[in-house]
C-alpha cells in the first residue's frame, strides 16, 4: 500500500474508532481532556494505527510474524471480560 493511502487510512481509522466517540464527548466538556491532552492522544492512536497498517500491508515477513503473534496474544489474554462488540450505525 502506498504511503499516502496508509496515512489517509490511519487518520480515518483514528477518527472513526477513537476520536469521534466517547473520547470526543469527554473532550467536549473540557473537564477531563484539554486540547493538549487530546492532541497527544490523537497523535499516539494515529501512530499506532499507522504502524499496524504499515506492517500489515507492507511489512517484512518477520514484522508480520511478530504482529500476528502479538495480535493473537492480545486477543487471547486481554479484554476477555469485555462485553461482546456491537455493530454501530455511522
PDB file of N, CA and C in Angstrom:
ATOM      1  N   UNK A   1       0.854  -1.171   0.000  1.00  0.00           N
ATOM      2  CA  UNK A   1       0.000   0.000   0.000  1.00  0.00           C
ATOM      3  C   UNK A   1       0.901   1.236   0.000  1.00  0.00           C
ATOM      4  N   UNK A   2       0.540   2.242  -0.784  1.00  0.00           N
ATOM      5  CA  UNK A   2       1.402   3.413  -0.872  1.00  0.00           C
ATOM      6  C   UNK A   2       1.262   4.300   0.373  1.00  0.00           C
ATOM      7  N   UNK A   3       2.247   5.167   0.580  1.00  0.00           N
ATOM      8  CA  UNK A   3       2.337   5.991   1.786  1.00  0.00           C
ATOM      9  C   UNK A   3       1.124   6.908   1.973  1.00  0.00           C
ATOM     10  N   UNK A   4       0.651   7.538   0.910  1.00  0.00           N
ATOM     11  CA  UNK A   4      -0.500   8.437   1.037  1.00  0.00           C
ATOM     12  C   UNK A   4      -1.742   7.681   1.508  1.00  0.00           C
ATOM     13  N   UNK A   5      -1.942   6.489   0.983  1.00  0.00           N
ATOM     14  CA  UNK A   5      -3.095   5.679   1.396  1.00  0.00           C
ATOM     15  C   UNK A   5      -2.948   5.236   2.846  1.00  0.00           C
ATOM     16  N   UNK A   6      -1.741   4.823   3.246  1.00  0.00           N
ATOM     17  CA  UNK A   6      -1.516   4.443   4.645  1.00  0.00           C
ATOM     18  C   UNK A   6      -1.817   5.611   5.581  1.00  0.00           C
ATOM     19  N   UNK A   7      -1.338   6.795   5.233  1.00  0.00           N
ATOM     20  CA  UNK A   7      -1.580   7.970   6.073  1.00  0.00           C
ATOM     21  C   UNK A   7      -3.076   8.285   6.149  1.00  0.00           C
ATOM     22  N   UNK A   8      -3.750   8.284   5.013  1.00  0.00           N
ATOM     23  CA  UNK A   8      -5.181   8.596   4.982  1.00  0.00           C
ATOM     24  C   UNK A   8      -5.996   7.562   5.757  1.00  0.00           C
ATOM     25  N   UNK A   9      -5.669   6.295   5.571  1.00  0.00           N
ATOM     26  CA  UNK A   9      -6.404   5.236   6.260  1.00  0.00           C
ATOM     27  C   UNK A   9      -6.178   5.293   7.761  1.00  0.00           C
ATOM     28  N   UNK A  10      -4.964   5.553   8.196  1.00  0.00           N
ATOM     29  CA  UNK A  10      -4.701   5.627   9.632  1.00  0.00           C
ATOM     30  C   UNK A  10      -5.413   6.837  10.246  1.00  0.00           C
ATOM     31  N   UNK A  11      -5.471   7.965   9.530  1.00  0.00           N
ATOM     32  CA  UNK A  11      -6.228   9.128  10.026  1.00  0.00           C
ATOM     33  C   UNK A  11      -7.717   8.811  10.119  1.00  0.00           C
ATOM     34  N   UNK A  12      -8.243   8.183   9.072  1.00  0.00           N
ATOM     35  CA  UNK A  12      -9.666   7.851   9.058  1.00  0.00           C
ATOM     36  C   UNK A  12     -10.019   6.887  10.194  1.00  0.00           C
ATOM     37  N   UNK A  13      -9.192   5.873  10.395  1.00  0.00           N
ATOM     38  CA  UNK A  13      -9.447   4.924  11.478  1.00  0.00           C
ATOM     39  C   UNK A  13      -9.340   5.594  12.844  1.00  0.00           C
ATOM     40  N   UNK A  14      -8.384   6.508  12.995  1.00  0.00           N
ATOM     41  CA  UNK A  14      -8.259   7.228  14.261  1.00  0.00           C
ATOM     42  C   UNK A  14      -9.542   7.976  14.568  1.00  0.00           C
ATOM     43  N   UNK A  15     -10.082   8.656  13.574  1.00  0.00           N
ATOM     44  CA  UNK A  15     -11.332   9.385  13.785  1.00  0.00           C
ATOM     45  C   UNK A  15     -12.498   8.432  14.037  1.00  0.00           C
ATOM     46  N   UNK A  16     -12.607   7.421  13.205  1.00  0.00           N
ATOM     47  CA  UNK A  16     -13.746   6.511  13.291  1.00  0.00           C
ATOM     48  C   UNK A  16     -13.741   5.676  14.562  1.00  0.00           C
ATOM     49  N   UNK A  17     -12.591   5.126  14.905  1.00  0.00           N
ATOM     50  CA  UNK A  17     -12.514   4.183  16.013  1.00  0.00           C
ATOM     51  C   UNK A  17     -12.263   4.865  17.355  1.00  0.00           C
ATOM     52  N   UNK A  18     -11.540   5.965  17.338  1.00  0.00           N
ATOM     53  CA  UNK A  18     -11.126   6.575  18.604  1.00  0.00           C
ATOM     54  C   UNK A  18     -11.724   7.962  18.813  1.00  0.00           C
ATOM     55  N   UNK A  19     -11.435   8.868  17.930  1.00  0.00           N
ATOM     56  CA  UNK A  19     -11.707  10.290  18.158  1.00  0.00           C
ATOM     57  C   UNK A  19     -13.194  10.624  18.219  1.00  0.00           C
ATOM     58  N   UNK A  20     -13.972  10.115  17.312  1.00  0.00           N
ATOM     59  CA  UNK A  20     -15.376  10.523  17.199  1.00  0.00           C
ATOM     60  C   UNK A  20     -16.310   9.619  17.990  1.00  0.00           C
ATOM     61  N   UNK A  21     -16.016   9.451  19.243  1.00  0.00           N
ATOM     62  CA  UNK A  21     -16.845   8.623  20.110  1.00  0.00           C
ATOM     63  C   UNK A  21     -16.840   9.176  21.513  1.00  0.00           C
ATOM     64  N   UNK A  22     -16.730   8.290  22.474  1.00  0.00           N
ATOM     65  CA  UNK A  22     -16.760   8.695  23.876  1.00  0.00           C
ATOM     66  C   UNK A  22     -15.614   9.637  24.228  1.00  0.00           C
ATOM     67  N   UNK A  23     -14.481   9.475  23.570  1.00  0.00           N
ATOM     68  CA  UNK A  23     -13.341  10.355  23.849  1.00  0.00           C
ATOM     69  C   UNK A  23     -13.681  11.794  23.478  1.00  0.00           C
ATOM     70  N   UNK A  24     -14.335  11.979  22.354  1.00  0.00           N
ATOM     71  CA  UNK A  24     -14.735  13.337  21.958  1.00  0.00           C
ATOM     72  C   UNK A  24     -15.733  13.927  22.941  1.00  0.00           C
ATOM     73  N   UNK A  25     -16.624  13.102  23.457  1.00  0.00           N
ATOM     74  CA  UNK A  25     -17.577  13.583  24.458  1.00  0.00           C
ATOM     75  C   UNK A  25     -16.845  14.087  25.702  1.00  0.00           C
ATOM     76  N   UNK A  26     -15.815  13.365  26.118  1.00  0.00           N
ATOM     77  CA  UNK A  26     -15.024  13.799  27.272  1.00  0.00           C
ATOM     78  C   UNK A  26     -14.261  15.086  26.964  1.00  0.00           C
ATOM     79  N   UNK A  27     -13.752  15.190  25.759  1.00  0.00           N
ATOM     80  CA  UNK A  27     -13.010  16.382  25.358  1.00  0.00           C
ATOM     81  C   UNK A  27     -13.944  17.586  25.243  1.00  0.00           C
ATOM     82  N   UNK A  28     -15.141  17.367  24.733  1.00  0.00           N
ATOM     83  CA  UNK A  28     -16.075  18.472  24.505  1.00  0.00           C
ATOM     84  C   UNK A  28     -16.428  19.198  25.793  1.00  0.00           C
ATOM     85  N   UNK A  29     -16.531  18.478  26.902  1.00  0.00           N
ATOM     86  CA  UNK A  29     -16.865  19.138  28.164  1.00  0.00           C
ATOM     87  C   UNK A  29     -15.640  19.797  28.779  1.00  0.00           C
ATOM     88  N   UNK A  30     -14.463  19.455  28.298  1.00  0.00           N
ATOM     89  CA  UNK A  30     -13.233  20.101  28.727  1.00  0.00           C
ATOM     90  C   UNK A  30     -12.773  19.773  30.133  1.00  0.00           C
ATOM     91  N   UNK A  31     -13.571  19.055  30.873  1.00  0.00           N
ATOM     92  CA  UNK A  31     -13.217  18.779  32.262  1.00  0.00           C
ATOM     93  C   UNK A  31     -12.213  17.638  32.381  1.00  0.00           C
ATOM     94  N   UNK A  32     -12.239  16.738  31.431  1.00  0.00           N
ATOM     95  CA  UNK A  32     -11.403  15.547  31.528  1.00  0.00           C
ATOM     96  C   UNK A  32     -10.185  15.634  30.595  1.00  0.00           C
ATOM     97  N   UNK A  33     -10.407  16.070  29.381  1.00  0.00           N
ATOM     98  CA  UNK A  33      -9.340  16.132  28.382  1.00  0.00           C
ATOM     99  C   UNK A  33      -9.246  17.540  27.809  1.00  0.00           C
ATOM    100  N   UNK A  34      -8.154  18.222  28.090  1.00  0.00           N
ATOM    101  CA  UNK A  34      -7.972  19.538  27.485  1.00  0.00           C
ATOM    102  C   UNK A  34      -7.402  19.353  26.076  1.00  0.00           C
ATOM    103  N   UNK A  35      -7.232  20.451  25.331  1.00  0.00           N
ATOM    104  CA  UNK A  35      -6.765  20.362  23.951  1.00  0.00           C
ATOM    105  C   UNK A  35      -5.398  19.701  23.833  1.00  0.00           C
ATOM    106  N   UNK A  36      -4.496  19.997  24.757  1.00  0.00           N
ATOM    107  CA  UNK A  36      -3.150  19.411  24.709  1.00  0.00           C
ATOM    108  C   UNK A  36      -3.209  17.901  24.899  1.00  0.00           C
ATOM    109  N   UNK A  37      -3.967  17.452  25.879  1.00  0.00           N
ATOM    110  CA  UNK A  37      -4.100  16.006  26.112  1.00  0.00           C
ATOM    111  C   UNK A  37      -4.763  15.333  24.920  1.00  0.00           C
ATOM    112  N   UNK A  38      -5.760  15.982  24.337  1.00  0.00           N
ATOM    113  CA  UNK A  38      -6.456  15.405  23.191  1.00  0.00           C
ATOM    114  C   UNK A  38      -5.512  15.288  21.998  1.00  0.00           C
ATOM    115  N   UNK A  39      -4.679  16.291  21.761  1.00  0.00           N
ATOM    116  CA  UNK A  39      -3.704  16.223  20.674  1.00  0.00           C
ATOM    117  C   UNK A  39      -2.725  15.077  20.896  1.00  0.00           C
ATOM    118  N   UNK A  40      -2.265  14.894  22.118  1.00  0.00           N
ATOM    119  CA  UNK A  40      -1.327  13.810  22.421  1.00  0.00           C
ATOM    120  C   UNK A  40      -1.977  12.452  22.187  1.00  0.00           C
ATOM    121  N   UNK A  41      -3.212  12.306  22.639  1.00  0.00           N
ATOM    122  CA  UNK A  41      -3.920  11.039  22.440  1.00  0.00           C
ATOM    123  C   UNK A  41      -4.158  10.767  20.958  1.00  0.00           C
ATOM    124  N   UNK A  42      -4.604  11.782  20.229  1.00  0.00           N
ATOM    125  CA  UNK A  42      -4.835  11.602  18.797  1.00  0.00           C
ATOM    126  C   UNK A  42      -3.556  11.188  18.081  1.00  0.00           C
ATOM    127  N   UNK A  43      -2.447  11.840  18.397  1.00  0.00           N
ATOM    128  CA  UNK A  43      -1.171  11.529  17.760  1.00  0.00           C
ATOM    129  C   UNK A  43      -0.752  10.088  18.077  1.00  0.00           C
ATOM    130  N   UNK A  44      -0.894   9.694  19.335  1.00  0.00           N
ATOM    131  CA  UNK A  44      -0.499   8.339  19.731  1.00  0.00           C
ATOM    132  C   UNK A  44      -1.340   7.289  19.012  1.00  0.00           C
ATOM    133  N   UNK A  45      -2.652   7.473  18.992  1.00  0.00           N
ATOM    134  CA  UNK A  45      -3.527   6.494  18.336  1.00  0.00           C
ATOM    135  C   UNK A  45      -3.264   6.476  16.831  1.00  0.00           C
ATOM    136  N   UNK A  46      -3.096   7.660  16.242  1.00  0.00           N
ATOM    137  CA  UNK A  46      -2.801   7.731  14.810  1.00  0.00           C
ATOM    138  C   UNK A  46      -1.507   6.990  14.486  1.00  0.00           C
ATOM    139  N   UNK A  47      -0.459   7.197  15.280  1.00  0.00           N
ATOM    140  CA  UNK A  47       0.815   6.496  15.063  1.00  0.00           C
ATOM    141  C   UNK A  47       0.661   4.991  15.226  1.00  0.00           C
ATOM    142  N   UNK A  48      -0.144   4.567  16.177  1.00  0.00           N
ATOM    143  CA  UNK A  48      -0.345   3.135  16.383  1.00  0.00           C
ATOM    144  C   UNK A  48      -1.107   2.499  15.217  1.00  0.00           C
ATOM    145  N   UNK A  49      -2.151   3.173  14.744  1.00  0.00           N
ATOM    146  CA  UNK A  49      -2.868   2.666  13.565  1.00  0.00           C
ATOM    147  C   UNK A  49      -1.945   2.620  12.355  1.00  0.00           C
ATOM    148  N   UNK A  50      -1.168   3.681  12.151  1.00  0.00           N
ATOM    149  CA  UNK A  50      -0.248   3.720  11.014  1.00  0.00           C
ATOM    150  C   UNK A  50       0.739   2.553  11.080  1.00  0.00           C
ATOM    151  N   UNK A  51       1.321   2.330  12.254  1.00  0.00           N
ATOM    152  CA  UNK A  51       2.293   1.243  12.412  1.00  0.00           C
ATOM    153  C   UNK A  51       1.640  -0.103  12.111  1.00  0.00           C
ATOM    154  N   UNK A  52       0.453  -0.325  12.651  1.00  0.00           N
ATOM    155  CA  UNK A  52      -0.265  -1.574  12.402  1.00  0.00           C
ATOM    156  C   UNK A  52      -0.518  -1.768  10.914  1.00  0.00           C
ATOM    157  N   UNK A  53      -1.033  -0.735  10.258  1.00  0.00           N
ATOM    158  CA  UNK A  53      -1.343  -0.836   8.832  1.00  0.00           C
ATOM    159  C   UNK A  53      -0.081  -0.999   7.989  1.00  0.00           C
ATOM    160  N   UNK A  54       0.971  -0.256   8.315  1.00  0.00           N
ATOM    161  CA  UNK A  54       2.214  -0.342   7.548  1.00  0.00           C
ATOM    162  C   UNK A  54       2.797  -1.750   7.621  1.00  0.00           C
ATOM    163  N   UNK A  55       2.767  -2.344   8.791  1.00  0.00           N
ATOM    164  CA  UNK A  55       3.278  -3.718   8.923  1.00  0.00           C
ATOM    165  C   UNK A  55       2.329  -4.700   8.249  1.00  0.00           C
ATOM    166  N   UNK A  56       1.031  -4.515   8.458  1.00  0.00           N
ATOM    167  CA  UNK A  56       0.034  -5.428   7.893  1.00  0.00           C
ATOM    168  C   UNK A  56       0.150  -5.497   6.371  1.00  0.00           C
ATOM    169  N   UNK A  57       0.276  -4.330   5.725  1.00  0.00           N
ATOM    170  CA  UNK A  57       0.272  -4.295   4.262  1.00  0.00           C
ATOM    171  C   UNK A  57       1.657  -4.307   3.628  1.00  0.00           C
ATOM    172  N   UNK A  58       2.662  -3.740   4.309  1.00  0.00           N
ATOM    173  CA  UNK A  58       3.967  -3.581   3.671  1.00  0.00           C
ATOM    174  C   UNK A  58       5.124  -4.144   4.484  1.00  0.00           C
ATOM    175  N   UNK A  59       4.842  -4.769   5.595  1.00  0.00           N
ATOM    176  CA  UNK A  59       5.916  -5.232   6.462  1.00  0.00           C
ATOM    177  C   UNK A  59       6.668  -6.419   5.890  1.00  0.00           C
ATOM    178  N   UNK A  60       7.837  -6.615   6.453  1.00  0.00           N
ATOM    179  CA  UNK A  60       8.632  -7.789   6.083  1.00  0.00           C
ATOM    180  C   UNK A  60       7.996  -9.027   6.705  1.00  0.00           C
ATOM    181  N   UNK A  61       8.435 -10.180   6.278  1.00  0.00           N
ATOM    182  CA  UNK A  61       7.919 -11.426   6.853  1.00  0.00           C
ATOM    183  C   UNK A  61       8.071 -11.472   8.361  1.00  0.00           C
ATOM    184  N   UNK A  62       9.268 -11.176   8.901  1.00  0.00           N
ATOM    185  CA  UNK A  62       9.433 -11.195  10.357  1.00  0.00           C
ATOM    186  C   UNK A  62       8.555 -10.164  11.075  1.00  0.00           C
ATOM    187  N   UNK A  63       8.373  -8.978  10.474  1.00  0.00           N
ATOM    188  CA  UNK A  63       7.499  -7.973  11.097  1.00  0.00           C
ATOM    189  C   UNK A  63       6.055  -8.463  11.151  1.00  0.00           C
ATOM    190  N   UNK A  64       5.593  -9.034  10.060  1.00  0.00           N
ATOM    191  CA  UNK A  64       4.214  -9.556  10.035  1.00  0.00           C
ATOM    192  C   UNK A  64       4.047 -10.716  11.007  1.00  0.00           C
ATOM    193  N   UNK A  65       5.059 -11.566  11.111  1.00  0.00           N
ATOM    194  CA  UNK A  65       5.003 -12.678  12.068  1.00  0.00           C
ATOM    195  C   UNK A  65       4.886 -12.154  13.496  1.00  0.00           C
ATOM    196  N   UNK A  66       5.700 -11.134  13.852  1.00  0.00           N
ATOM    197  CA  UNK A  66       5.633 -10.557  15.200  1.00  0.00           C
ATOM    198  C   UNK A  66       4.264  -9.920  15.447  1.00  0.00           C
ATOM    199  N   UNK A  67       3.740  -9.214  14.439  1.00  0.00           N
ATOM    200  CA  UNK A  67       2.428  -8.595  14.585  1.00  0.00           C
ATOM    201  C   UNK A  67       1.350  -9.657  14.798  1.00  0.00           C
ATOM    202  N   UNK A  68       1.397 -10.715  14.016  1.00  0.00           N
ATOM    203  CA  UNK A  68       0.414 -11.786  14.165  1.00  0.00           C
ATOM    204  C   UNK A  68       0.475 -12.410  15.558  1.00  0.00           C
ATOM    205  N   UNK A  69       1.672 -12.660  16.053  1.00  0.00           N
ATOM    206  CA  UNK A  69       1.825 -13.222  17.398  1.00  0.00           C
ATOM    207  C   UNK A  69       1.298 -12.265  18.456  1.00  0.00           C
ATOM    208  N   UNK A  70       1.599 -10.980  18.297  1.00  0.00           N
ATOM    209  CA  UNK A  70       1.128 -10.003  19.269  1.00  0.00           C
ATOM    210  C   UNK A  70      -0.395  -9.903  19.256  1.00  0.00           C
ATOM    211  N   UNK A  71      -0.995  -9.861  18.072  1.00  0.00           N
ATOM    212  CA  UNK A  71      -2.453  -9.781  17.988  1.00  0.00           C
ATOM    213  C   UNK A  71      -3.114 -11.023  18.572  1.00  0.00           C
ATOM    214  N   UNK A  72      -2.558 -12.187  18.287  1.00  0.00           N
ATOM    215  CA  UNK A  72      -3.104 -13.422  18.855  1.00  0.00           C
ATOM    216  C   UNK A  72      -3.006 -13.415  20.380  1.00  0.00           C
ATOM    217  N   UNK A  73      -1.874 -12.962  20.904  1.00  0.00           N
ATOM    218  CA  UNK A  73      -1.699 -12.889  22.349  1.00  0.00           C
ATOM    219  C   UNK A  73      -2.702 -11.916  22.965  1.00  0.00           C
ATOM    220  N   UNK A  74      -2.811 -10.727  22.388  1.00  0.00           N
ATOM    221  CA  UNK A  74      -3.735  -9.725  22.931  1.00  0.00           C
ATOM    222  C   UNK A  74      -5.180 -10.221  22.891  1.00  0.00           C
ATOM    223  N   UNK A  75      -5.549 -10.864  21.793  1.00  0.00           N
ATOM    224  CA  UNK A  75      -6.923 -11.361  21.666  1.00  0.00           C
ATOM    225  C   UNK A  75      -7.235 -12.453  22.681  1.00  0.00           C
ATOM    226  N   UNK A  76      -6.227 -13.244  23.027  1.00  0.00           N
ATOM    227  CA  UNK A  76      -6.444 -14.362  23.955  1.00  0.00           C
ATOM    228  C   UNK A  76      -6.439 -13.938  25.412  1.00  0.00           C
ATOM    229  N   UNK A  77      -5.655 -12.908  25.767  1.00  0.00           N
ATOM    230  CA  UNK A  77      -5.439 -12.625  27.179  1.00  0.00           C
ATOM    231  C   UNK A  77      -5.947 -11.270  27.661  1.00  0.00           C
ATOM    232  N   UNK A  78      -6.333 -10.382  26.766  1.00  0.00           N
ATOM    233  CA  UNK A  78      -6.792  -9.063  27.193  1.00  0.00           C
ATOM    234  C   UNK A  78      -8.210  -8.806  26.711  1.00  0.00           C
ATOM    235  N   UNK A  79      -9.009  -8.194  27.559  1.00  0.00           N
ATOM    236  CA  UNK A  79     -10.366  -7.841  27.195  1.00  0.00           C
ATOM    237  C   UNK A  79     -11.331  -9.006  27.157  1.00  0.00           C
ATOM    238  N   UNK A  80     -10.916 -10.127  27.720  1.00  0.00           N
ATOM    239  CA  UNK A  80     -11.793 -11.306  27.679  1.00  0.00           C
ATOM    240  C   UNK A  80     -13.053 -11.112  28.504  1.00  0.00           C
ATOM    241  N   UNK A  81     -13.013 -10.203  29.476  1.00  0.00           N
ATOM    242  CA  UNK A  81     -14.205  -9.968  30.293  1.00  0.00           C
ATOM    243  C   UNK A  81     -15.058  -8.829  29.736  1.00  0.00           C
ATOM    244  N   UNK A  82     -14.677  -8.282  28.583  1.00  0.00           N
ATOM    245  CA  UNK A  82     -15.479  -7.232  27.947  1.00  0.00           C
ATOM    246  C   UNK A  82     -16.754  -7.834  27.378  1.00  0.00           C
ATOM    247  N   UNK A  83     -17.782  -7.021  27.283  1.00  0.00           N
ATOM    248  CA  UNK A  83     -18.998  -7.441  26.586  1.00  0.00           C
ATOM    249  C   UNK A  83     -18.678  -7.617  25.103  1.00  0.00           C
ATOM    250  N   UNK A  84     -19.433  -8.491  24.440  1.00  0.00           N
ATOM    251  CA  UNK A  84     -19.186  -8.660  23.004  1.00  0.00           C
ATOM    252  C   UNK A  84     -19.391  -7.330  22.261  1.00  0.00           C
ATOM    253  N   UNK A  85     -18.624  -7.138  21.215  1.00  0.00           N
ATOM    254  CA  UNK A  85     -18.744  -5.922  20.394  1.00  0.00           C
ATOM    255  C   UNK A  85     -20.088  -5.896  19.683  1.00  0.00           C
ATOM    256  N   UNK A  86     -20.573  -4.689  19.458  1.00  0.00           N
ATOM    257  CA  UNK A  86     -21.821  -4.495  18.711  1.00  0.00           C
ATOM    258  C   UNK A  86     -21.530  -3.616  17.509  1.00  0.00           C
ATOM    259  N   UNK A  87     -22.240  -3.883  16.421  1.00  0.00           N
ATOM    260  CA  UNK A  87     -22.095  -3.073  15.215  1.00  0.00           C
ATOM    261  C   UNK A  87     -22.778  -1.733  15.447  1.00  0.00           C
ATOM    262  N   UNK A  88     -22.066  -0.656  15.140  1.00  0.00           N
ATOM    263  CA  UNK A  88     -22.607   0.690  15.317  1.00  0.00           C
ATOM    264  C   UNK A  88     -23.120   1.225  13.989  1.00  0.00           C
ATOM    265  N   UNK A  89     -24.063   2.151  14.063  1.00  0.00           N
ATOM    266  CA  UNK A  89     -24.520   2.861  12.879  1.00  0.00           C
ATOM    267  C   UNK A  89     -23.653   4.091  12.683  1.00  0.00           C
ATOM    268  N   UNK A  90     -23.207   4.333  11.463  1.00  0.00           N
ATOM    269  CA  UNK A  90     -22.407   5.530  11.178  1.00  0.00           C
ATOM    270  C   UNK A  90     -23.215   6.473  10.326  1.00  0.00           C
TER     271      UNK A  90
END
